[in-house]
Structure formats: C-alpha cells, structure tokens
C-alpha cells in the first residue's frame, strides 16, 4: 500500500470517527430534547394533577358547605316551628288554667252529672294531648324552689326553699318555661313556732 492510500484510509477512518462523534452528539442532543420534552410533559401532568386535586378539594368543600347549609336550614326550621308553637301555647295556657280551676272547684252535687263527666273527660284529654306534644305540668309541692320554673308569691312556715303550696299550675314546653308555677315557699320556720 502506498502512502497516499494509507492517508486516504486514515482520512476515511478520521471522517468515520468525526461522523461517529457527530452522530453521538446528535443522539445526545436528541436525548436531551426528548428528556426536556418528557420533563415538560411531566411538569404539565403534575400541573394537571394539581388542578385535579384542587378541583376535588373545592368539590369536597362545596359538598360539606351544602350539607352544613341543609343542617342549619333544618335547625332553623325546627326552631321556627318550636317558637311558633311556644307562642300558640302561651295563648292557650290561660284557658287550660281556667279549665283546671273549674274542674278543681266542681261542686260535690255535680260530680256525678253525665254532662259534667263529659266536660271533665274533655279536660283530661286536653291535658294528655298537650303532654304528647311536649307540654308538661311543672312539679311543685314537695319540690325545691327553682326560679326558672316557679314564682314564689309568699313564704311561710315549712322547710327552707321547699314548695309547700301551689296556687297556679305552671307548664314547660320541651326545655322552655311557658308559664311559671305560682307557689308558696317554706321560710325555714316550724309551724309549731308560730
């Protein structure tokens, strides 16, 4: 082989090496480009995932707000109905008191009259109906005086702060006092001391 041929072969080898290096560089560039594209796609996917998570959280909050709104609306409705019932019952209670007084002071000669027995039965049914809807008569005689349930009109001999006599019935509706019972309360003095 001549020197020229050797140089040509070497040039071909040199070119081949340059070509190979260029191809390697191109492949590395392509890899970097693909890597960047994948990273951008990954970043875009991460952004989409974050948006999806944000939307899920917003939906969960909205659903919780709606449930809270429904619960509050139902509570408000219940309070309104209870308040309306209280006002109605406050208007009815004086009639119930009058009914109680009329049956408590029924003359002995009328107690066996059929018409009077019918009226007493109506009175008893009214009290049962009121109790079914949550109206209860306040306990008095023998109970400790409670200013939220009882109104002390006078004091007298008897155990201190204990109710000794009821003048007028009182009523509650669930936890609310419709009308305080009017009572006599013991002052701690013994009846023998008087």
C-alpha atoms as a PDB file:
ATOM      1  CA  UNK A   1       0.000   0.000   0.000  1.00  0.00           C
ATOM      2  CA  UNK A   2       1.156   3.356  -0.871  1.00  0.00           C
ATOM      3  CA  UNK A   3       1.434   6.237   1.462  1.00  0.00           C
ATOM      4  CA  UNK A   4      -1.350   8.003  -0.281  1.00  0.00           C
ATOM      5  CA  UNK A   5      -3.680   5.110   0.111  1.00  0.00           C
ATOM      6  CA  UNK A   6      -2.795   4.914   3.738  1.00  0.00           C
ATOM      7  CA  UNK A   7      -3.554   8.596   4.114  1.00  0.00           C
ATOM      8  CA  UNK A   8      -6.876   8.159   2.307  1.00  0.00           C
ATOM      9  CA  UNK A   9      -7.740   5.203   4.512  1.00  0.00           C
ATOM     10  CA  UNK A  10      -6.761   7.169   7.543  1.00  0.00           C
ATOM     11  CA  UNK A  11      -8.900  10.103   6.341  1.00  0.00           C
ATOM     12  CA  UNK A  12     -11.792   7.723   5.933  1.00  0.00           C
ATOM     13  CA  UNK A  13     -11.136   6.474   9.450  1.00  0.00           C
ATOM     14  CA  UNK A  14     -10.860  10.091  10.672  1.00  0.00           C
ATOM     15  CA  UNK A  15     -14.079  11.013   8.927  1.00  0.00           C
ATOM     16  CA  UNK A  16     -15.728   7.990  10.311  1.00  0.00           C
ATOM     17  CA  UNK A  17     -14.659   8.975  13.802  1.00  0.00           C
ATOM     18  CA  UNK A  18     -15.857  12.545  13.239  1.00  0.00           C
ATOM     19  CA  UNK A  19     -19.101  11.232  11.826  1.00  0.00           C
ATOM     20  CA  UNK A  20     -19.491   8.918  14.754  1.00  0.00           C
ATOM     21  CA  UNK A  21     -18.758  11.739  17.180  1.00  0.00           C
ATOM     22  CA  UNK A  22     -21.273  13.946  15.356  1.00  0.00           C
ATOM     23  CA  UNK A  23     -23.836  11.166  15.463  1.00  0.00           C
ATOM     24  CA  UNK A  24     -23.167  10.672  19.170  1.00  0.00           C
ATOM     25  CA  UNK A  25     -23.566  14.427  19.716  1.00  0.00           C
ATOM     26  CA  UNK A  26     -26.786  14.412  17.703  1.00  0.00           C
ATOM     27  CA  UNK A  27     -28.089  11.469  19.693  1.00  0.00           C
ATOM     28  CA  UNK A  28     -27.158  13.188  22.949  1.00  0.00           C
ATOM     29  CA  UNK A  29     -28.925  16.351  21.758  1.00  0.00           C
ATOM     30  CA  UNK A  30     -31.953  14.302  20.753  1.00  0.00           C
ATOM     31  CA  UNK A  31     -31.870  12.584  24.142  1.00  0.00           C
ATOM     32  CA  UNK A  32     -31.664  15.932  25.902  1.00  0.00           C
ATOM     33  CA  UNK A  33     -34.512  17.241  23.757  1.00  0.00           C
ATOM     34  CA  UNK A  34     -36.612  14.163  24.493  1.00  0.00           C
ATOM     35  CA  UNK A  35     -35.671  14.387  28.148  1.00  0.00           C
ATOM     36  CA  UNK A  36     -36.733  18.049  28.193  1.00  0.00           C
ATOM     37  CA  UNK A  37     -39.951  17.176  26.383  1.00  0.00           C
ATOM     38  CA  UNK A  38     -40.648  14.388  28.874  1.00  0.00           C
ATOM     39  CA  UNK A  39     -39.845  16.742  31.739  1.00  0.00           C
ATOM     40  CA  UNK A  40     -42.196  19.357  30.280  1.00  0.00           C
ATOM     41  CA  UNK A  41     -44.858  16.675  29.810  1.00  0.00           C
ATOM     42  CA  UNK A  42     -44.240  15.538  33.387  1.00  0.00           C
ATOM     43  CA  UNK A  43     -44.479  19.138  34.609  1.00  0.00           C
ATOM     44  CA  UNK A  44     -47.682  19.558  32.593  1.00  0.00           C
ATOM     45  CA  UNK A  45     -49.019  16.301  34.075  1.00  0.00           C
ATOM     46  CA  UNK A  46     -48.023  17.447  37.556  1.00  0.00           C
ATOM     47  CA  UNK A  47     -49.831  20.724  36.918  1.00  0.00           C
ATOM     48  CA  UNK A  48     -52.900  18.827  35.683  1.00  0.00           C
ATOM     49  CA  UNK A  49     -52.753  16.544  38.728  1.00  0.00           C
ATOM     50  CA  UNK A  50     -52.552  19.589  41.000  1.00  0.00           C
ATOM     51  CA  UNK A  51     -55.540  21.166  39.222  1.00  0.00           C
ATOM     52  CA  UNK A  52     -57.484  17.905  39.589  1.00  0.00           C
ATOM     53  CA  UNK A  53     -56.610  17.768  43.310  1.00  0.00           C
ATOM     54  CA  UNK A  54     -57.613  21.428  43.733  1.00  0.00           C
ATOM     55  CA  UNK A  55     -60.935  20.735  41.996  1.00  0.00           C
ATOM     56  CA  UNK A  56     -61.528  17.654  44.161  1.00  0.00           C
ATOM     57  CA  UNK A  57     -60.848  19.727  47.295  1.00  0.00           C
ATOM     58  CA  UNK A  58     -63.137  22.515  46.067  1.00  0.00           C
ATOM     59  CA  UNK A  59     -65.873  19.964  45.363  1.00  0.00           C
ATOM     60  CA  UNK A  60     -65.450  18.373  48.803  1.00  0.00           C
ATOM     61  CA  UNK A  61     -65.670  21.810  50.458  1.00  0.00           C
ATOM     62  CA  UNK A  62     -68.752  22.660  48.402  1.00  0.00           C
ATOM     63  CA  UNK A  63     -70.411  19.392  49.374  1.00  0.00           C
ATOM     64  CA  UNK A  64     -69.582  19.982  53.056  1.00  0.00           C
ATOM     65  CA  UNK A  65     -70.926  23.545  52.799  1.00  0.00           C
ATOM     66  CA  UNK A  66     -74.132  22.216  51.234  1.00  0.00           C
ATOM     67  CA  UNK A  67     -74.573  19.618  53.979  1.00  0.00           C
ATOM     68  CA  UNK A  68     -73.945  22.283  56.632  1.00  0.00           C
ATOM     69  CA  UNK A  69     -76.445  24.578  54.913  1.00  0.00           C
ATOM     70  CA  UNK A  70     -79.080  21.826  54.853  1.00  0.00           C
ATOM     71  CA  UNK A  71     -78.433  21.032  58.528  1.00  0.00           C
ATOM     72  CA  UNK A  72     -78.621  24.717  59.520  1.00  0.00           C
ATOM     73  CA  UNK A  73     -81.783  25.188  57.453  1.00  0.00           C
ATOM     74  CA  UNK A  74     -83.420  22.212  59.165  1.00  0.00           C
ATOM     75  CA  UNK A  75     -82.346  23.502  62.594  1.00  0.00           C
ATOM     76  CA  UNK A  76     -83.687  26.974  61.748  1.00  0.00           C
ATOM     77  CA  UNK A  77     -86.951  25.441  60.551  1.00  0.00           C
ATOM     78  CA  UNK A  78     -87.238  23.396  63.762  1.00  0.00           C
ATOM     79  CA  UNK A  79     -86.515  26.474  65.893  1.00  0.00           C
ATOM     80  CA  UNK A  80     -89.107  28.484  63.968  1.00  0.00           C
ATOM     81  CA  UNK A  81     -91.738  25.777  64.433  1.00  0.00           C
ATOM     82  CA  UNK A  82     -90.873  25.493  68.124  1.00  0.00           C
ATOM     83  CA  UNK A  83     -91.061  29.270  68.546  1.00  0.00           C
ATOM     84  CA  UNK A  84     -94.411  29.399  66.729  1.00  0.00           C
ATOM     85  CA  UNK A  85     -95.682  26.566  68.949  1.00  0.00           C
ATOM     86  CA  UNK A  86     -94.494  28.364  72.086  1.00  0.00           C
ATOM     87  CA  UNK A  87     -96.400  31.497  71.126  1.00  0.00           C
ATOM     88  CA  UNK A  88     -99.558  29.488  70.407  1.00  0.00           C
ATOM     89  CA  UNK A  89     -99.230  27.512  73.635  1.00  0.00           C
ATOM     90  CA  UNK A  90     -98.725  30.711  75.666  1.00  0.00           C
ATOM     91  CA  UNK A  91    -102.106  31.854  74.334  1.00  0.00           C
ATOM     92  CA  UNK A  92    -103.776  28.502  75.164  1.00  0.00           C
ATOM     93  CA  UNK A  93    -102.349  28.039  78.684  1.00  0.00           C
ATOM     94  CA  UNK A  94    -104.655  30.600  80.379  1.00  0.00           C
ATOM     95  CA  UNK A  95    -107.657  28.640  79.057  1.00  0.00           C
ATOM     96  CA  UNK A  96    -106.109  25.434  80.380  1.00  0.00           C
ATOM     97  CA  UNK A  97    -105.669  27.165  83.772  1.00  0.00           C
ATOM     98  CA  UNK A  98    -109.325  28.180  83.778  1.00  0.00           C
ATOM     99  CA  UNK A  99    -110.325  24.659  82.808  1.00  0.00           C
ATOM    100  CA  UNK A 100    -108.178  23.312  85.698  1.00  0.00           C
ATOM    101  CA  UNK A 101    -109.782  25.707  88.182  1.00  0.00           C
ATOM    102  CA  UNK A 102    -113.295  24.779  87.032  1.00  0.00           C
ATOM    103  CA  UNK A 103    -112.655  21.049  87.464  1.00  0.00           C
ATOM    104  CA  UNK A 104    -110.793  21.552  90.776  1.00  0.00           C
ATOM    105  CA  UNK A 105    -113.714  23.523  92.230  1.00  0.00           C
ATOM    106  CA  UNK A 106    -116.522  21.367  90.878  1.00  0.00           C
ATOM    107  CA  UNK A 107    -119.410  21.296  93.373  1.00  0.00           C
ATOM    108  CA  UNK A 108    -119.916  17.907  95.002  1.00  0.00           C
ATOM    109  CA  UNK A 109    -123.547  17.626  93.844  1.00  0.00           C
ATOM    110  CA  UNK A 110    -122.471  17.980  90.142  1.00  0.00           C
ATOM    111  CA  UNK A 111    -119.628  15.422  90.155  1.00  0.00           C
ATOM    112  CA  UNK A 112    -121.919  12.539  89.121  1.00  0.00           C
ATOM    113  CA  UNK A 113    -123.751  14.511  86.427  1.00  0.00           C
ATOM    114  CA  UNK A 114    -123.160  12.916  82.965  1.00  0.00           C
ATOM    115  CA  UNK A 115    -122.692  16.285  81.262  1.00  0.00           C
ATOM    116  CA  UNK A 116    -120.093  17.332  83.837  1.00  0.00           C
ATOM    117  CA  UNK A 117    -118.308  13.965  83.481  1.00  0.00           C
ATOM    118  CA  UNK A 118    -118.090  14.656  79.717  1.00  0.00           C
ATOM    119  CA  UNK A 119    -116.566  18.105  80.324  1.00  0.00           C
ATOM    120  CA  UNK A 120    -114.065  16.620  82.804  1.00  0.00           C
ATOM    121  CA  UNK A 121    -113.176  13.978  80.188  1.00  0.00           C
ATOM    122  CA  UNK A 122    -112.545  16.765  77.619  1.00  0.00           C
ATOM    123  CA  UNK A 123    -110.297  18.473  80.187  1.00  0.00           C
ATOM    124  CA  UNK A 124    -108.340  15.260  80.784  1.00  0.00           C
ATOM    125  CA  UNK A 125    -107.980  14.619  77.017  1.00  0.00           C
ATOM    126  CA  UNK A 126    -106.687  18.159  76.501  1.00  0.00           C
ATOM    127  CA  UNK A 127    -104.001  17.632  79.157  1.00  0.00           C
ATOM    128  CA  UNK A 128    -102.998  14.285  77.585  1.00  0.00           C
ATOM    129  CA  UNK A 129    -102.775  15.896  74.123  1.00  0.00           C
ATOM    130  CA  UNK A 130    -100.644  18.758  75.440  1.00  0.00           C
ATOM    131  CA  UNK A 131     -98.340  16.259  77.126  1.00  0.00           C
ATOM    132  CA  UNK A 132     -97.973  14.297  73.850  1.00  0.00           C
ATOM    133  CA  UNK A 133     -96.665  17.402  72.056  1.00  0.00           C
ATOM    134  CA  UNK A 134     -94.177  18.184  74.827  1.00  0.00           C
ATOM    135  CA  UNK A 135     -96.141  20.369  77.279  1.00  0.00           C
ATOM    136  CA  UNK A 136     -95.606  19.224  80.854  1.00  0.00           C
ATOM    137  CA  UNK A 137     -97.031  20.435  84.126  1.00  0.00           C
ATOM    138  CA  UNK A 138     -94.308  21.740  86.436  1.00  0.00           C
ATOM    139  CA  UNK A 139     -93.956  19.761  89.678  1.00  0.00           C
ATOM    140  CA  UNK A 140     -94.461  21.947  92.722  1.00  0.00           C
ATOM    141  CA  UNK A 141     -95.449  20.773  96.234  1.00  0.00           C
ATOM    142  CA  UNK A 142     -92.523  18.989  97.892  1.00  0.00           C
ATOM    143  CA  UNK A 143     -90.033  20.235  95.275  1.00  0.00           C
ATOM    144  CA  UNK A 144     -87.167  22.676  95.833  1.00  0.00           C
ATOM    145  CA  UNK A 145     -87.913  26.203  94.597  1.00  0.00           C
ATOM    146  CA  UNK A 146     -86.424  26.813  91.128  1.00  0.00           C
ATOM    147  CA  UNK A 147     -86.751  30.432  89.950  1.00  0.00           C
ATOM    148  CA  UNK A 148     -86.737  29.315  86.298  1.00  0.00           C
ATOM    149  CA  UNK A 149     -89.830  27.161  86.909  1.00  0.00           C
ATOM    150  CA  UNK A 150     -91.549  28.628  89.967  1.00  0.00           C
ATOM    151  CA  UNK A 151     -92.732  32.067  91.009  1.00  0.00           C
ATOM    152  CA  UNK A 152     -92.848  32.422  94.790  1.00  0.00           C
ATOM    153  CA  UNK A 153     -95.827  34.577  95.746  1.00  0.00           C
ATOM    154  CA  UNK A 154     -95.424  34.212  99.525  1.00  0.00           C
ATOM    155  CA  UNK A 155     -93.293  32.444 102.097  1.00  0.00           C
ATOM    156  CA  UNK A 156     -94.484  30.699 105.211  1.00  0.00           C
ATOM    157  CA  UNK A 157     -93.700  28.002 107.687  1.00  0.00           C
ATOM    158  CA  UNK A 158     -92.051  24.936 106.192  1.00  0.00           C
ATOM    159  CA  UNK A 159     -88.727  23.550 105.111  1.00  0.00           C
ATOM    160  CA  UNK A 160     -86.498  26.319 103.735  1.00  0.00           C
ATOM    161  CA  UNK A 161     -86.793  26.828  99.949  1.00  0.00           C
ATOM    162  CA  UNK A 162     -89.234  23.919  99.591  1.00  0.00           C
ATOM    163  CA  UNK A 163     -92.619  24.491  97.930  1.00  0.00           C
ATOM    164  CA  UNK A 164     -95.450  23.971 100.390  1.00  0.00           C
ATOM    165  CA  UNK A 165     -98.460  25.020  98.289  1.00  0.00           C
ATOM    166  CA  UNK A 166     -99.355  25.590  94.618  1.00  0.00           C
ATOM    167  CA  UNK A 167    -101.644  28.494  93.727  1.00  0.00           C
ATOM    168  CA  UNK A 168    -101.484  28.184  89.964  1.00  0.00           C
ATOM    169  CA  UNK A 169    -100.043  25.483  87.704  1.00  0.00           C
ATOM    170  CA  UNK A 170     -97.004  26.114  85.564  1.00  0.00           C
ATOM    171  CA  UNK A 171     -96.041  24.476  82.276  1.00  0.00           C
ATOM    172  CA  UNK A 172     -92.922  23.757  80.245  1.00  0.00           C
ATOM    173  CA  UNK A 173     -92.602  23.032  76.536  1.00  0.00           C
ATOM    174  CA  UNK A 174     -89.515  20.899  75.953  1.00  0.00           C
ATOM    175  CA  UNK A 175     -86.811  22.968  77.748  1.00  0.00           C
ATOM    176  CA  UNK A 176     -88.708  26.283  77.711  1.00  0.00           C
ATOM    177  CA  UNK A 177     -90.884  27.528  80.528  1.00  0.00           C
ATOM    178  CA  UNK A 178     -94.262  28.547  79.103  1.00  0.00           C
ATOM    179  CA  UNK A 179     -95.620  29.742  82.422  1.00  0.00           C
ATOM    180  CA  UNK A 180     -94.008  29.616  85.862  1.00  0.00           C
ATOM    181  CA  UNK A 181     -95.984  27.893  88.606  1.00  0.00           C
ATOM    182  CA  UNK A 182     -97.188  30.311  91.309  1.00  0.00           C
ATOM    183  CA  UNK A 183     -96.338  28.850  94.694  1.00  0.00           C
ATOM    184  CA  UNK A 184     -95.839  29.299  98.431  1.00  0.00           C
ATOM    185  CA  UNK A 185     -92.312  28.544  99.654  1.00  0.00           C
ATOM    186  CA  UNK A 186     -91.157  27.465 103.098  1.00  0.00           C
ATOM    187  CA  UNK A 187     -89.065  30.008 105.029  1.00  0.00           C
ATOM    188  CA  UNK A 188     -87.397  27.506 107.373  1.00  0.00           C
ATOM    189  CA  UNK A 189     -89.687  28.160 110.342  1.00  0.00           C
ATOM    190  CA  UNK A 190     -91.566  25.363 112.001  1.00  0.00           C
ATOM    191  CA  UNK A 191     -95.375  25.701 112.112  1.00  0.00           C
ATOM    192  CA  UNK A 192     -95.284  24.974 115.875  1.00  0.00           C
ATOM    193  CA  UNK A 193     -93.140  28.094 116.412  1.00  0.00           C
ATOM    194  CA  UNK A 194     -95.974  30.346 115.328  1.00  0.00           C
END
